[in-house]
PDB file of N, CA and C in Angstrom:
ATOM      1  N   MET A   1     132.851  84.795  62.831  1.00  0.00           N
ATOM      2  CA  MET A   1     131.757  83.928  63.362  1.00  0.00           C
ATOM      3  C   MET A   1     131.692  83.757  64.431  1.00  0.00           C
ATOM      4  N   ALA A   2     132.983  83.334  65.184  1.00  0.00           N
ATOM      5  CA  ALA A   2     132.988  82.729  66.892  1.00  0.00           C
ATOM      6  C   ALA A   2     133.185  84.247  67.613  1.00  0.00           C
ATOM      7  N   ALA A   3     133.791  85.375  66.868  1.00  0.00           N
ATOM      8  CA  ALA A   3     132.914  86.270  67.864  1.00  0.00           C
ATOM      9  C   ALA A   3     131.306  86.795  68.126  1.00  0.00           C
ATOM     10  N   SER A   4     130.790  86.445  66.727  1.00  0.00           N
ATOM     11  CA  SER A   4     129.466  87.035  67.196  1.00  0.00           C
ATOM     12  C   SER A   4     128.484  85.918  67.886  1.00  0.00           C
ATOM     13  N   LEU A   5     129.285  84.740  68.120  1.00  0.00           N
ATOM     14  CA  LEU A   5     128.533  83.197  68.637  1.00  0.00           C
ATOM     15  C   LEU A   5     128.918  83.778  69.950  1.00  0.00           C
ATOM     16  N   ASN A   6     129.928  84.290  70.602  1.00  0.00           N
ATOM     17  CA  ASN A   6     130.533  84.948  71.800  1.00  0.00           C
ATOM     18  C   ASN A   6     130.215  86.093  71.832  1.00  0.00           C
ATOM     19  N   GLU A   7     129.543  87.108  71.207  1.00  0.00           N
ATOM     20  CA  GLU A   7     128.607  88.513  71.718  1.00  0.00           C
ATOM     21  C   GLU A   7     126.871  87.690  71.895  1.00  0.00           C
ATOM     22  N   GLU A   8     126.507  87.236  71.296  1.00  0.00           N
ATOM     23  CA  GLU A   8     125.008  86.133  71.881  1.00  0.00           C
ATOM     24  C   GLU A   8     125.259  85.368  72.416  1.00  0.00           C
ATOM     25  N   GLN A   9     126.100  84.662  72.710  1.00  0.00           N
ATOM     26  CA  GLN A   9     126.613  83.957  74.749  1.00  0.00           C
ATOM     27  C   GLN A   9     126.168  85.246  75.515  1.00  0.00           C
ATOM     28  N   ARG A  10     126.488  85.972  75.324  1.00  0.00           N
ATOM     29  CA  ARG A  10     127.208  87.026  76.617  1.00  0.00           C
ATOM     30  C   ARG A  10     126.025  87.845  77.061  1.00  0.00           C
ATOM     31  N   GLN A  11     125.105  88.259  75.380  1.00  0.00           N
ATOM     32  CA  GLN A  11     123.724  89.239  75.809  1.00  0.00           C
ATOM     33  C   GLN A  11     123.076  88.425  75.905  1.00  0.00           C
ATOM     34  N   HIS A  12     123.161  86.717  75.613  1.00  0.00           N
ATOM     35  CA  HIS A  12     122.027  85.787  76.426  1.00  0.00           C
ATOM     36  C   HIS A  12     122.441  85.485  78.071  1.00  0.00           C
ATOM     37  N   MET A  13     123.605  86.133  78.103  1.00  0.00           N
ATOM     38  CA  MET A  13     124.647  86.031  79.628  1.00  0.00           C
ATOM     39  C   MET A  13     123.448  86.852  80.747  1.00  0.00           C
ATOM     40  N   MET A  14     123.596  88.903  79.627  1.00  0.00           N
ATOM     41  CA  MET A  14     123.235  89.896  80.587  1.00  0.00           C
ATOM     42  C   MET A  14     121.795  89.406  80.851  1.00  0.00           C
ATOM     43  N   GLU A  15     120.891  88.928  79.390  1.00  0.00           N
ATOM     44  CA  GLU A  15     119.609  88.795  79.823  1.00  0.00           C
ATOM     45  C   GLU A  15     118.682  88.023  80.793  1.00  0.00           C
ATOM     46  N   LEU A  16     119.987  87.363  81.413  1.00  0.00           N
ATOM     47  CA  LEU A  16     119.628  86.174  81.962  1.00  0.00           C
ATOM     48  C   LEU A  16     119.784  86.788  83.789  1.00  0.00           C
ATOM     49  N   GLN A  17     120.814  87.015  83.993  1.00  0.00           N
ATOM     50  CA  GLN A  17     121.200  88.026  85.012  1.00  0.00           C
ATOM     51  C   GLN A  17     120.595  89.186  85.280  1.00  0.00           C
ATOM     52  N   LYS A  18     119.479  90.117  83.782  1.00  0.00           N
ATOM     53  CA  LYS A  18     118.662  90.687  84.723  1.00  0.00           C
ATOM     54  C   LYS A  18     117.395  89.983  84.786  1.00  0.00           C
ATOM     55  N   ARG A  19     117.239  88.958  84.729  1.00  0.00           N
ATOM     56  CA  ARG A  19     116.180  88.050  84.648  1.00  0.00           C
ATOM     57  C   ARG A  19     116.078  87.568  86.238  1.00  0.00           C
ATOM     58  N   MET A  20     116.974  87.288  86.928  1.00  0.00           N
ATOM     59  CA  MET A  20     117.997  86.524  88.011  1.00  0.00           C
ATOM     60  C   MET A  20     117.494  87.958  88.922  1.00  0.00           C
ATOM     61  N   ASN A  21     117.762  88.850  89.011  1.00  0.00           N
ATOM     62  CA  ASN A  21     118.240  89.541  89.478  1.00  0.00           C
ATOM     63  C   ASN A  21     116.317  90.451  89.784  1.00  0.00           C
ATOM     64  N   ASP A  22     115.747  90.306  88.665  1.00  0.00           N
ATOM     65  CA  ASP A  22     114.118  90.581  89.159  1.00  0.00           C
ATOM     66  C   ASP A  22     113.157  89.358  89.526  1.00  0.00           C
ATOM     67  N   VAL A  23     113.781  87.850  89.575  1.00  0.00           N
ATOM     68  CA  VAL A  23     113.408  87.306  89.864  1.00  0.00           C
ATOM     69  C   VAL A  23     113.457  87.548  91.458  1.00  0.00           C
ATOM     70  N   ALA A  24     114.471  87.460  92.354  1.00  0.00           N
ATOM     71  CA  ALA A  24     115.464  87.651  93.656  1.00  0.00           C
ATOM     72  C   ALA A  24     114.922  89.046  94.191  1.00  0.00           C
ATOM     73  N   THR A  25     114.500  90.159  93.368  1.00  0.00           N
ATOM     74  CA  THR A  25     113.712  91.504  94.052  1.00  0.00           C
ATOM     75  C   THR A  25     112.417  90.819  93.992  1.00  0.00           C
ATOM     76  N   ASN A  26     111.840  90.562  93.585  1.00  0.00           N
ATOM     77  CA  ASN A  26     110.263  89.906  93.754  1.00  0.00           C
ATOM     78  C   ASN A  26     109.736  88.762  94.590  1.00  0.00           C
ATOM     79  N   LEU A  27     111.551  87.938  94.892  1.00  0.00           N
ATOM     80  CA  LEU A  27     110.789  87.146  95.397  1.00  0.00           C
ATOM     81  C   LEU A  27     111.001  87.529  97.001  1.00  0.00           C
ATOM     82  N   ASN A  28     111.955  89.212  97.174  1.00  0.00           N
ATOM     83  CA  ASN A  28     111.913  89.670  98.255  1.00  0.00           C
ATOM     84  C   ASN A  28     111.119  90.168  98.714  1.00  0.00           C
ATOM     85  N   ALA A  29     110.227  90.865  97.690  1.00  0.00           N
ATOM     86  CA  ALA A  29     109.228  91.556  97.905  1.00  0.00           C
ATOM     87  C   ALA A  29     108.450  90.739  98.900  1.00  0.00           C
ATOM     88  N   VAL A  30     108.035  89.236  98.036  1.00  0.00           N
ATOM     89  CA  VAL A  30     106.573  88.397  98.521  1.00  0.00           C
ATOM     90  C   VAL A  30     107.230  87.958  99.691  1.00  0.00           C
ATOM     91  N   THR A  31     108.767  87.645 100.179  1.00  0.00           N
ATOM     92  CA  THR A  31     108.821  87.490 101.323  1.00  0.00           C
ATOM     93  C   THR A  31     108.666  88.474 102.703  1.00  0.00           C
ATOM     94  N   HIS A  32     109.136  89.405 102.505  1.00  0.00           N
ATOM     95  CA  HIS A  32     108.416  90.376 102.877  1.00  0.00           C
ATOM     96  C   HIS A  32     107.176  90.561 102.979  1.00  0.00           C
ATOM     97  N   SER A  33     105.742  90.405 102.379  1.00  0.00           N
ATOM     98  CA  SER A  33     104.638  90.360 102.625  1.00  0.00           C
ATOM     99  C   SER A  33     104.008  89.344 103.369  1.00  0.00           C
ATOM    100  N   ALA A  34     105.095  88.440 103.100  1.00  0.00           N
ATOM    101  CA  ALA A  34     104.486  86.770 103.856  1.00  0.00           C
ATOM    102  C   ALA A  34     104.407  87.349 104.866  1.00  0.00           C
ATOM    103  N   ARG A  35     105.682  87.844 106.073  1.00  0.00           N
ATOM    104  CA  ARG A  35     105.851  88.328 107.322  1.00  0.00           C
ATOM    105  C   ARG A  35     104.645  89.080 107.590  1.00  0.00           C
ATOM    106  N   ARG A  36     104.282  90.065 106.952  1.00  0.00           N
ATOM    107  CA  ARG A  36     103.436  91.285 107.158  1.00  0.00           C
ATOM    108  C   ARG A  36     102.016  90.889 107.728  1.00  0.00           C
ATOM    109  N   ALA A  37     101.868  89.365 106.467  1.00  0.00           N
ATOM    110  CA  ALA A  37     100.480  89.025 106.677  1.00  0.00           C
ATOM    111  C   ALA A  37     100.366  87.735 107.963  1.00  0.00           C
ATOM    112  N   THR A  38     101.699  87.451 108.082  1.00  0.00           N
ATOM    113  CA  THR A  38     101.847  86.779 109.239  1.00  0.00           C
ATOM    114  C   THR A  38     101.457  87.318 111.242  1.00  0.00           C
ATOM    115  N   ALA A  39     101.957  88.161 110.385  1.00  0.00           N
ATOM    116  CA  ALA A  39     101.842  88.693 111.652  1.00  0.00           C
ATOM    117  C   ALA A  39     100.873  89.807 111.762  1.00  0.00           C
ATOM    118  N   GLU A  40      99.934  90.188 111.136  1.00  0.00           N
ATOM    119  CA  GLU A  40      98.533  90.534 111.088  1.00  0.00           C
ATOM    120  C   GLU A  40      97.941  89.717 111.059  1.00  0.00           C
ATOM    121  N   GLY A  41      98.091  88.590 110.789  1.00  0.00           N
ATOM    122  CA  GLY A  41      97.239  87.644 111.423  1.00  0.00           C
ATOM    123  C   GLY A  41      97.501  86.706 112.746  1.00  0.00           C
ATOM    124  N   ARG A  42      98.898  86.825 113.037  1.00  0.00           N
ATOM    125  CA  ARG A  42      99.106  86.038 114.519  1.00  0.00           C
ATOM    126  C   ARG A  42      98.543  87.595 115.430  1.00  0.00           C
ATOM    127  N   ARG A  43      98.239  88.592 114.755  1.00  0.00           N
ATOM    128  CA  ARG A  43      97.267  89.896 115.924  1.00  0.00           C
ATOM    129  C   ARG A  43      96.379  89.774 116.314  1.00  0.00           C
ATOM    130  N   ALA A  44      95.799  89.321 115.087  1.00  0.00           N
ATOM    131  CA  ALA A  44      94.327  89.611 114.722  1.00  0.00           C
ATOM    132  C   ALA A  44      93.849  88.011 115.908  1.00  0.00           C
ATOM    133  N   THR A  45      94.132  86.887 115.763  1.00  0.00           N
ATOM    134  CA  THR A  45      94.603  85.645 116.583  1.00  0.00           C
ATOM    135  C   THR A  45      94.822  85.917 118.154  1.00  0.00           C
ATOM    136  N   LEU A  46      95.930  86.726 118.365  1.00  0.00           N
ATOM    137  CA  LEU A  46      95.442  87.545 119.952  1.00  0.00           C
ATOM    138  C   LEU A  46      94.643  88.101 120.572  1.00  0.00           C
ATOM    139  N   VAL A  47      94.323  88.593 119.636  1.00  0.00           N
ATOM    140  CA  VAL A  47      93.242  90.123 119.858  1.00  0.00           C
ATOM    141  C   VAL A  47      91.526  89.119 119.703  1.00  0.00           C
ATOM    142  N   LEU A  48      91.598  88.506 119.434  1.00  0.00           N
ATOM    143  CA  LEU A  48      90.499  87.663 119.892  1.00  0.00           C
ATOM    144  C   LEU A  48      90.510  86.531 121.219  1.00  0.00           C
ATOM    145  N   GLN A  49      91.983  85.812 120.612  1.00  0.00           N
ATOM    146  CA  GLN A  49      91.746  85.316 122.483  1.00  0.00           C
ATOM    147  C   GLN A  49      91.435  86.205 123.693  1.00  0.00           C
ATOM    148  N   GLU A  50      92.608  87.114 123.636  1.00  0.00           N
ATOM    149  CA  GLU A  50      92.029  88.246 124.607  1.00  0.00           C
ATOM    150  C   GLU A  50      90.981  88.998 124.723  1.00  0.00           C
ATOM    151  N   LEU A  51      89.666  88.657 124.186  1.00  0.00           N
ATOM    152  CA  LEU A  51      88.621  89.639 123.943  1.00  0.00           C
ATOM    153  C   LEU A  51      87.289  88.150 124.975  1.00  0.00           C
ATOM    154  N   GLY A  52      88.101  86.435 124.699  1.00  0.00           N
ATOM    155  CA  GLY A  52      87.731  86.385 125.397  1.00  0.00           C
ATOM    156  C   GLY A  52      87.694  86.245 126.597  1.00  0.00           C
ATOM    157  N   SER A  53      88.713  86.313 127.288  1.00  0.00           N
ATOM    158  CA  SER A  53      89.124  86.075 128.768  1.00  0.00           C
ATOM    159  C   SER A  53      88.517  87.890 129.602  1.00  0.00           C
ATOM    160  N   ILE A  54      88.472  89.175 128.450  1.00  0.00           N
ATOM    161  CA  ILE A  54      87.311  90.316 129.001  1.00  0.00           C
ATOM    162  C   ILE A  54      86.701  89.965 129.296  1.00  0.00           C
ATOM    163  N   PRO A  55      86.187  90.577 130.825  1.00  0.00           N
ATOM    164  CA  PRO A  55      84.191  90.687 130.592  1.00  0.00           C
ATOM    165  C   PRO A  55      83.565  91.448 129.527  1.00  0.00           C
ATOM    166  N   ALA A  56      82.758  90.776 129.841  1.00  0.00           N
ATOM    167  CA  ALA A  56      80.932  91.140 129.152  1.00  0.00           C
ATOM    168  C   ALA A  56      81.368  92.600 129.233  1.00  0.00           C
ATOM    169  N   ASP A  57      81.360  93.264 130.117  1.00  0.00           N
ATOM    170  CA  ASP A  57      80.773  94.563 130.700  1.00  0.00           C
ATOM    171  C   ASP A  57      81.710  95.928 130.150  1.00  0.00           C
ATOM    172  N   ALA A  58      82.625  95.115 129.993  1.00  0.00           N
ATOM    173  CA  ALA A  58      84.391  95.480 129.874  1.00  0.00           C
ATOM    174  C   ALA A  58      84.223  97.150 128.425  1.00  0.00           C
ATOM    175  N   VAL A  59      84.717  98.084 128.546  1.00  0.00           N
ATOM    176  CA  VAL A  59      84.715  99.483 127.433  1.00  0.00           C
ATOM    177  C   VAL A  59      85.425  99.178 126.790  1.00  0.00           C
ATOM    178  N   LEU A  60      85.255  99.110 125.494  1.00  0.00           N
ATOM    179  CA  LEU A  60      86.753  98.333 124.560  1.00  0.00           C
ATOM    180  C   LEU A  60      86.562  99.685 123.638  1.00  0.00           C
ATOM    181  N   TYR A  61      87.575 100.222 123.201  1.00  0.00           N
ATOM    182  CA  TYR A  61      88.573 101.129 122.412  1.00  0.00           C
ATOM    183  C   TYR A  61      89.155 100.970 121.077  1.00  0.00           C
ATOM    184  N   THR A  62      89.021 101.115 119.901  1.00  0.00           N
ATOM    185  CA  THR A  62      89.740 100.570 118.354  1.00  0.00           C
ATOM    186  C   THR A  62      90.527 102.113 118.565  1.00  0.00           C
ATOM    187  N   GLY A  63      91.599 101.818 117.996  1.00  0.00           N
ATOM    188  CA  GLY A  63      92.384 103.070 117.123  1.00  0.00           C
ATOM    189  C   GLY A  63      92.036 103.292 115.948  1.00  0.00           C
ATOM    190  N   VAL A  64      92.193 104.523 116.084  1.00  0.00           N
ATOM    191  CA  VAL A  64      91.701 104.917 114.679  1.00  0.00           C
ATOM    192  C   VAL A  64      92.731 106.490 114.252  1.00  0.00           C
ATOM    193  N   GLY A  65      94.016 106.609 113.567  1.00  0.00           N
ATOM    194  CA  GLY A  65      94.864 106.915 113.735  1.00  0.00           C
ATOM    195  C   GLY A  65      95.882 107.390 115.153  1.00  0.00           C
ATOM    196  N   ARG A  66      95.262 108.500 115.288  1.00  0.00           N
ATOM    197  CA  ARG A  66      96.124 108.689 117.142  1.00  0.00           C
ATOM    198  C   ARG A  66      95.385 108.833 118.245  1.00  0.00           C
ATOM    199  N   ALA A  67      93.883 108.405 117.692  1.00  0.00           N
ATOM    200  CA  ALA A  67      92.202 108.542 118.614  1.00  0.00           C
ATOM    201  C   ALA A  67      92.269 107.441 118.413  1.00  0.00           C
ATOM    202  N   TYR A  68      91.328 107.243 119.925  1.00  0.00           N
ATOM    203  CA  TYR A  68      90.593 106.288 120.289  1.00  0.00           C
ATOM    204  C   TYR A  68      89.543 105.967 120.585  1.00  0.00           C
ATOM    205  N   LEU A  69      88.692 104.810 119.526  1.00  0.00           N
ATOM    206  CA  LEU A  69      86.945 105.332 120.004  1.00  0.00           C
ATOM    207  C   LEU A  69      86.311 104.203 120.129  1.00  0.00           C
ATOM    208  N   ARG A  70      85.630 104.128 121.282  1.00  0.00           N
ATOM    209  CA  ARG A  70      84.997 103.092 121.568  1.00  0.00           C
ATOM    210  C   ARG A  70      84.375 102.426 121.135  1.00  0.00           C
ATOM    211  N   SER A  71      83.808 101.110 120.684  1.00  0.00           N
ATOM    212  CA  SER A  71      83.731 100.537 119.798  1.00  0.00           C
ATOM    213  C   SER A  71      82.771  99.389 120.785  1.00  0.00           C
ATOM    214  N   ASP A  72      81.778  98.357 120.299  1.00  0.00           N
ATOM    215  CA  ASP A  72      80.843  97.516 121.180  1.00  0.00           C
ATOM    216  C   ASP A  72      81.674  95.925 120.251  1.00  0.00           C
ATOM    217  N   ARG A  73      81.978  94.788 121.846  1.00  0.00           N
ATOM    218  CA  ARG A  73      82.443  94.177 121.395  1.00  0.00           C
ATOM    219  C   ARG A  73      82.288  93.080 119.903  1.00  0.00           C
ATOM    220  N   GLY A  74      80.998  93.350 119.502  1.00  0.00           N
ATOM    221  CA  GLY A  74      80.718  92.692 118.290  1.00  0.00           C
ATOM    222  C   GLY A  74      81.298  92.937 117.021  1.00  0.00           C
ATOM    223  N   ALA A  75      81.755  94.278 117.127  1.00  0.00           N
ATOM    224  CA  ALA A  75      82.513  95.375 115.873  1.00  0.00           C
ATOM    225  C   ALA A  75      83.895  94.753 115.743  1.00  0.00           C
ATOM    226  N   VAL A  76      84.454  94.883 117.304  1.00  0.00           N
ATOM    227  CA  VAL A  76      85.887  94.436 117.428  1.00  0.00           C
ATOM    228  C   VAL A  76      86.456  92.470 116.921  1.00  0.00           C
ATOM    229  N   ALA A  77      85.191  92.561 117.249  1.00  0.00           N
ATOM    230  CA  ALA A  77      85.413  90.828 117.247  1.00  0.00           C
ATOM    231  C   ALA A  77      85.525  90.535 115.506  1.00  0.00           C
ATOM    232  N   ALA A  78      84.481  91.164 114.686  1.00  0.00           N
ATOM    233  CA  ALA A  78      84.160  91.272 113.283  1.00  0.00           C
ATOM    234  C   ALA A  78      85.432  91.495 113.124  1.00  0.00           C
ATOM    235  N   GLN A  79      85.791  92.559 113.415  1.00  0.00           N
ATOM    236  CA  GLN A  79      86.663  93.352 112.521  1.00  0.00           C
ATOM    237  C   GLN A  79      87.942  92.439 112.357  1.00  0.00           C
ATOM    238  N   HIS A  80      88.485  91.703 113.594  1.00  0.00           N
ATOM    239  CA  HIS A  80      89.247  90.806 113.817  1.00  0.00           C
ATOM    240  C   HIS A  80      88.862  90.151 113.055  1.00  0.00           C
ATOM    241  N   GLU A  81      88.019  88.852 113.100  1.00  0.00           N
ATOM    242  CA  GLU A  81      87.985  87.401 112.368  1.00  0.00           C
ATOM    243  C   GLU A  81      88.624  88.322 110.538  1.00  0.00           C
ATOM    244  N   GLU A  82      87.657  89.587 110.269  1.00  0.00           N
ATOM    245  CA  GLU A  82      88.001  89.789 108.741  1.00  0.00           C
ATOM    246  C   GLU A  82      89.377  89.684 108.785  1.00  0.00           C
ATOM    247  N   THR A  83      89.939  90.826 109.580  1.00  0.00           N
ATOM    248  CA  THR A  83      91.929  90.072 109.436  1.00  0.00           C
ATOM    249  C   THR A  83      92.674  89.402 108.992  1.00  0.00           C
ATOM    250  N   LYS A  84      91.863  88.311 110.530  1.00  0.00           N
ATOM    251  CA  LYS A  84      92.524  86.952 110.671  1.00  0.00           C
ATOM    252  C   LYS A  84      92.319  86.051 109.019  1.00  0.00           C
ATOM    253  N   THR A  85      91.207  86.221 108.474  1.00  0.00           N
ATOM    254  CA  THR A  85      90.750  85.552 106.763  1.00  0.00           C
ATOM    255  C   THR A  85      91.192  86.373 105.905  1.00  0.00           C
ATOM    256  N   LYS A  86      91.393  87.613 105.431  1.00  0.00           N
ATOM    257  CA  LYS A  86      92.115  87.906 105.062  1.00  0.00           C
ATOM    258  C   LYS A  86      93.691  88.197 104.929  1.00  0.00           C
ATOM    259  N   ALA A  87      94.338  87.847 105.951  1.00  0.00           N
ATOM    260  CA  ALA A  87      95.335  87.877 106.190  1.00  0.00           C
ATOM    261  C   ALA A  87      96.071  86.518 106.212  1.00  0.00           C
ATOM    262  N   GLU A  88      95.070  84.328 106.059  1.00  0.00           N
ATOM    263  CA  GLU A  88      95.188  83.914 105.960  1.00  0.00           C
ATOM    264  C   GLU A  88      95.437  84.044 104.344  1.00  0.00           C
ATOM    265  N   ALA A  89      94.211  84.305 103.807  1.00  0.00           N
ATOM    266  CA  ALA A  89      93.809  84.027 102.130  1.00  0.00           C
ATOM    267  C   ALA A  89      95.097  85.092 101.406  1.00  0.00           C
ATOM    268  N   GLU A  90      95.928  86.109 101.726  1.00  0.00           N
ATOM    269  CA  GLU A  90      97.299  86.413 101.338  1.00  0.00           C
ATOM    270  C   GLU A  90      98.129  85.684 102.004  1.00  0.00           C
ATOM    271  N   MET A  91      98.249  84.972 102.877  1.00  0.00           N
ATOM    272  CA  MET A  91      99.556  83.645 102.729  1.00  0.00           C
ATOM    273  C   MET A  91      99.647  82.968 102.132  1.00  0.00           C
ATOM    274  N   LYS A  92      97.889  82.361 101.560  1.00  0.00           N
ATOM    275  CA  LYS A  92      98.071  81.142 101.088  1.00  0.00           C
ATOM    276  C   LYS A  92      98.410  82.091  99.032  1.00  0.00           C
ATOM    277  N   ALA A  93      98.167  82.873  98.704  1.00  0.00           N
ATOM    278  CA  ALA A  93      98.133  83.334  97.594  1.00  0.00           C
ATOM    279  C   ALA A  93     100.003  84.135  97.625  1.00  0.00           C
ATOM    280  N   LEU A  94     100.621  84.232  98.802  1.00  0.00           N
ATOM    281  CA  LEU A  94     102.204  84.540  98.642  1.00  0.00           C
ATOM    282  C   LEU A  94     102.703  83.447  98.091  1.00  0.00           C
ATOM    283  N   LEU A  95     102.661  82.191  99.443  1.00  0.00           N
ATOM    284  CA  LEU A  95     102.540  80.671  99.139  1.00  0.00           C
ATOM    285  C   LEU A  95     102.737  80.190  97.680  1.00  0.00           C
ATOM    286  N   GLY A  96     101.684  80.653  97.287  1.00  0.00           N
ATOM    287  CA  GLY A  96     102.084  80.677  95.735  1.00  0.00           C
ATOM    288  C   GLY A  96     102.490  81.235  94.395  1.00  0.00           C
ATOM    289  N   ALA A  97     102.562  82.529  94.718  1.00  0.00           N
ATOM    290  CA  ALA A  97     103.698  83.604  94.239  1.00  0.00           C
ATOM    291  C   ALA A  97     105.585  82.872  94.657  1.00  0.00           C
ATOM    292  N   ARG A  98     105.611  82.665  95.641  1.00  0.00           N
ATOM    293  CA  ARG A  98     106.939  82.315  96.173  1.00  0.00           C
ATOM    294  C   ARG A  98     107.109  81.147  95.477  1.00  0.00           C
ATOM    295  N   GLU A  99     106.687  80.084  95.690  1.00  0.00           N
ATOM    296  CA  GLU A  99     106.510  78.770  94.845  1.00  0.00           C
ATOM    297  C   GLU A  99     106.561  78.962  92.901  1.00  0.00           C
ATOM    298  N   ARG A 100     106.430  79.424  92.843  1.00  0.00           N
ATOM    299  CA  ARG A 100     106.574  80.164  91.539  1.00  0.00           C
ATOM    300  C   ARG A 100     107.895  81.002  91.239  1.00  0.00           C
ATOM    301  N   LEU A 101     108.213  81.525  91.666  1.00  0.00           N
ATOM    302  CA  LEU A 101     109.339  82.573  92.057  1.00  0.00           C
ATOM    303  C   LEU A 101     110.652  81.839  91.694  1.00  0.00           C
ATOM    304  N   LEU A 102     110.572  80.275  93.174  1.00  0.00           N
ATOM    305  CA  LEU A 102     111.602  79.752  93.104  1.00  0.00           C
ATOM    306  C   LEU A 102     112.082  78.800  91.608  1.00  0.00           C
ATOM    307  N   ALA A 103     110.805  78.671  91.426  1.00  0.00           N
ATOM    308  CA  ALA A 103     111.375  77.906  89.969  1.00  0.00           C
ATOM    309  C   ALA A 103     111.409  78.257  88.662  1.00  0.00           C
ATOM    310  N   ASP A 104     111.606  79.987  89.039  1.00  0.00           N
ATOM    311  CA  ASP A 104     112.149  80.753  87.743  1.00  0.00           C
ATOM    312  C   ASP A 104     112.993  80.679  88.197  1.00  0.00           C
ATOM    313  N   LYS A 105     113.446  80.434  89.574  1.00  0.00           N
ATOM    314  CA  LYS A 105     114.949  81.252  89.968  1.00  0.00           C
ATOM    315  C   LYS A 105     115.809  80.368  89.704  1.00  0.00           C
ATOM    316  N   ALA A 106     115.058  79.132  89.745  1.00  0.00           N
ATOM    317  CA  ALA A 106     115.804  77.518  89.301  1.00  0.00           C
ATOM    318  C   ALA A 106     115.876  77.576  87.899  1.00  0.00           C
ATOM    319  N   ALA A 107     114.849  77.563  87.510  1.00  0.00           N
ATOM    320  CA  ALA A 107     114.880  77.737  85.557  1.00  0.00           C
ATOM    321  C   ALA A 107     116.331  78.553  84.847  1.00  0.00           C
ATOM    322  N   CYS A 108     116.299  79.936  85.811  1.00  0.00           N
ATOM    323  CA  CYS A 108     117.103  80.987  84.981  1.00  0.00           C
ATOM    324  C   CYS A 108     118.717  79.948  86.055  1.00  0.00           C
ATOM    325  N   GLU A 109     119.067  79.993  86.786  1.00  0.00           N
ATOM    326  CA  GLU A 109     120.439  79.373  87.127  1.00  0.00           C
ATOM    327  C   GLU A 109     120.602  78.069  86.309  1.00  0.00           C
ATOM    328  N   ALA A 110     119.295  77.379  85.641  1.00  0.00           N
ATOM    329  CA  ALA A 110     119.682  76.043  84.925  1.00  0.00           C
ATOM    330  C   ALA A 110     120.272  76.422  83.796  1.00  0.00           C
ATOM    331  N   ASP A 111     119.412  77.382  83.319  1.00  0.00           N
ATOM    332  CA  ASP A 111     120.045  78.013  82.094  1.00  0.00           C
ATOM    333  C   ASP A 111     121.329  78.931  81.518  1.00  0.00           C
ATOM    334  N   ALA A 112     121.671  79.530  83.034  1.00  0.00           N
ATOM    335  CA  ALA A 112     122.800  80.195  83.080  1.00  0.00           C
ATOM    336  C   ALA A 112     124.093  78.807  82.975  1.00  0.00           C
ATOM    337  N   ARG A 113     123.548  78.373  83.817  1.00  0.00           N
ATOM    338  CA  ARG A 113     124.929  76.900  83.731  1.00  0.00           C
ATOM    339  C   ARG A 113     124.974  76.345  82.507  1.00  0.00           C
ATOM    340  N   GLU A 114     123.662  75.961  81.990  1.00  0.00           N
ATOM    341  CA  GLU A 114     123.851  75.393  80.705  1.00  0.00           C
ATOM    342  C   GLU A 114     124.662  76.413  79.888  1.00  0.00           C
ATOM    343  N   LEU A 115     124.327  77.199  79.708  1.00  0.00           N
ATOM    344  CA  LEU A 115     125.237  78.826  78.919  1.00  0.00           C
ATOM    345  C   LEU A 115     127.143  78.520  79.370  1.00  0.00           C
ATOM    346  N   MET A 116     127.254  78.212  80.516  1.00  0.00           N
ATOM    347  CA  MET A 116     128.199  78.227  80.784  1.00  0.00           C
ATOM    348  C   MET A 116     129.115  77.020  80.040  1.00  0.00           C
ATOM    349  N   ALA A 117     128.487  76.116  80.682  1.00  0.00           N
ATOM    350  CA  ALA A 117     128.676  74.755  79.654  1.00  0.00           C
ATOM    351  C   ALA A 117     128.816  74.845  77.977  1.00  0.00           C
ATOM    352  N   GLY A 118     128.153  75.496  77.685  1.00  0.00           N
ATOM    353  CA  GLY A 118     128.123  74.795  75.758  1.00  0.00           C
ATOM    354  C   GLY A 118     129.686  76.104  75.570  1.00  0.00           C
ATOM    355  N   ALA A 119     129.600  77.235  76.796  1.00  0.00           N
ATOM    356  CA  ALA A 119     130.625  78.083  76.630  1.00  0.00           C
ATOM    357  C   ALA A 119     131.878  77.427  76.614  1.00  0.00           C
ATOM    358  N   ARG A 120     132.301  76.637  77.341  1.00  0.00           N
ATOM    359  CA  ARG A 120     133.963  75.797  76.978  1.00  0.00           C
ATOM    360  C   ARG A 120     134.203  75.267  76.612  1.00  0.00           C
TER     361      ARG A 120
END
């Protein structure tokens, strides 16, 4: 009977370890995505600030692949406003996902501690 209990505990611990690894992987992916979204938002904010300092008659170009196409000021500003808005929305979503993952990680760690304490 004791051997089967140990086997059950070992199986449960393996499931907890797998779940903790999955949570850690997802947490790393969310952190990476949050950094990318933050960088995009900051870049868009910087471009919008610099657009204000450029003379109104200056010619603007937008990078498309390996080429640059001439663009009007309104299109460039609208594009970067949209990018900034999307980055802010993505950051909010990612912060919520990060909080959920941290709660899952804490729950896994608590389950593991409880399992280890019961094994003694």
